[in-house]
Protein backbone atom coordinates (compact mmCIF):
# COMPACT_ATOMS: atom_id res chain seq x y z
CA UNK A 1 -2.27 -42.42 14.62
CA UNK A 2 -0.75 -45.80 14.91
CA UNK A 3 -2.34 -49.08 15.81
CA UNK A 4 -2.14 -48.45 19.56
CA UNK A 5 -3.78 -45.06 19.18
CA UNK A 6 -6.54 -46.85 17.14
CA UNK A 7 -7.10 -49.48 19.92
CA UNK A 8 -7.31 -46.57 22.60
CA UNK A 9 -9.88 -44.78 20.38
CA UNK A 10 -11.96 -48.00 19.96
CA UNK A 11 -11.82 -48.53 23.74
CA UNK A 12 -12.86 -45.20 24.54
CA UNK A 13 -15.83 -44.95 21.83
CA UNK A 14 -17.21 -48.52 22.68
CA UNK A 15 -16.52 -49.09 26.46
CA UNK A 16 -14.56 -52.13 25.71
CA UNK A 17 -11.33 -52.83 27.58
CA UNK A 18 -8.12 -52.09 25.88
CA UNK A 19 -7.38 -55.82 25.68
CA UNK A 20 -10.84 -56.49 23.94
CA UNK A 21 -10.27 -53.37 21.50
CA UNK A 22 -6.93 -54.67 20.69
CA UNK A 23 -8.26 -58.12 19.82
CA UNK A 24 -11.17 -56.45 17.74
CA UNK A 25 -8.73 -54.19 15.76
CA UNK A 26 -6.46 -57.15 15.21
CA UNK A 27 -9.20 -59.32 13.94
CA UNK A 28 -10.38 -56.62 11.48
CA UNK A 29 -6.83 -55.92 10.15
CA UNK A 30 -6.02 -59.80 9.86
CA UNK A 31 -9.57 -60.34 8.27
CA UNK A 32 -8.91 -57.63 5.53
CA UNK A 33 -5.41 -58.90 4.96
CA UNK A 34 -6.48 -62.57 4.42
CA UNK A 35 -9.23 -61.62 2.13
CA UNK A 36 -7.14 -59.45 -0.11
CA UNK A 37 -4.35 -62.28 -0.13
CA UNK A 38 -6.88 -64.53 -1.65
CA UNK A 39 -7.67 -61.98 -4.34
CA UNK A 40 -11.03 -60.83 -3.17
CA UNK A 41 -12.08 -57.33 -2.55
CA UNK A 42 -13.01 -55.89 0.82
CA UNK A 43 -15.66 -53.08 0.31
CA UNK A 44 -16.64 -50.87 3.45
CA UNK A 45 -19.51 -48.72 2.13
CA UNK A 46 -18.70 -44.97 2.64
CA UNK A 47 -15.24 -45.74 3.85
CA UNK A 48 -13.43 -47.43 0.92
CA UNK A 49 -12.29 -50.66 -0.57
CA UNK A 50 -9.21 -52.90 -0.46
CA UNK A 51 -7.99 -54.67 -3.50
CA UNK A 52 -5.16 -56.61 -4.86
CA UNK A 53 -3.42 -55.34 -8.06
CA UNK A 54 -0.83 -56.87 -10.36
CA UNK A 55 2.10 -54.81 -11.46
CA UNK A 56 3.64 -55.98 -14.68
CA UNK A 57 7.37 -56.67 -15.09
CA UNK A 58 9.26 -53.68 -16.34
CA UNK A 59 12.73 -52.30 -17.01
CA UNK A 60 14.16 -49.79 -14.70
CA UNK A 61 17.30 -48.07 -13.92
CA UNK A 62 19.86 -48.32 -10.89
CA UNK A 63 19.92 -44.43 -9.72
CA UNK A 64 23.39 -44.77 -8.54
CA UNK A 65 24.92 -46.56 -11.50
CA UNK A 66 22.41 -45.73 -14.39
CA UNK A 67 22.58 -49.61 -15.40
CA UNK A 68 19.33 -51.15 -16.73
CA UNK A 69 17.78 -53.59 -14.29
CA UNK A 70 14.69 -55.78 -14.60
CA UNK A 71 11.96 -55.32 -12.20
CA UNK A 72 9.88 -58.55 -11.75
CA UNK A 73 6.04 -58.68 -11.68
CA UNK A 74 4.27 -58.45 -8.43
CA UNK A 75 1.01 -58.29 -6.55
CA UNK A 76 0.46 -55.22 -4.37
CA UNK A 77 -2.34 -54.04 -2.18
CA UNK A 78 -4.40 -51.06 -3.14
CA UNK A 79 -6.92 -48.77 -1.08
CA UNK A 80 -9.54 -46.67 -2.79
CA UNK A 81 -11.20 -44.17 -0.59
CA UNK A 82 -15.06 -44.06 -0.62
CA UNK A 83 -17.24 -40.97 -1.26
CA UNK A 84 -18.34 -40.28 2.42
CA UNK A 85 -14.64 -40.52 3.22
CA UNK A 86 -13.38 -38.23 0.61
CA UNK A 87 -16.10 -35.73 1.49
CA UNK A 88 -15.32 -35.83 5.24
CA UNK A 89 -11.75 -34.45 4.32
CA UNK A 90 -12.98 -31.56 2.49
């Protein structure tokens, strides 16, 4: 399912128009993104949590040449599924 599929599902479940559902889905995604950018966690009980993690700088290898390369440190998003979400997949 892509974003448009999610918008369609929200519209059919809630009775909202597709335009209203698009605004709601975009607002949720943007709110999660901005919160995680600030370094805060977003926890949706039963579904999961979105966090920001830090990856240390490390040394890697170019797969084509085998040369050593330095991979810089960076921040990355992380999603951890909640128990109810995991149990729903069994």
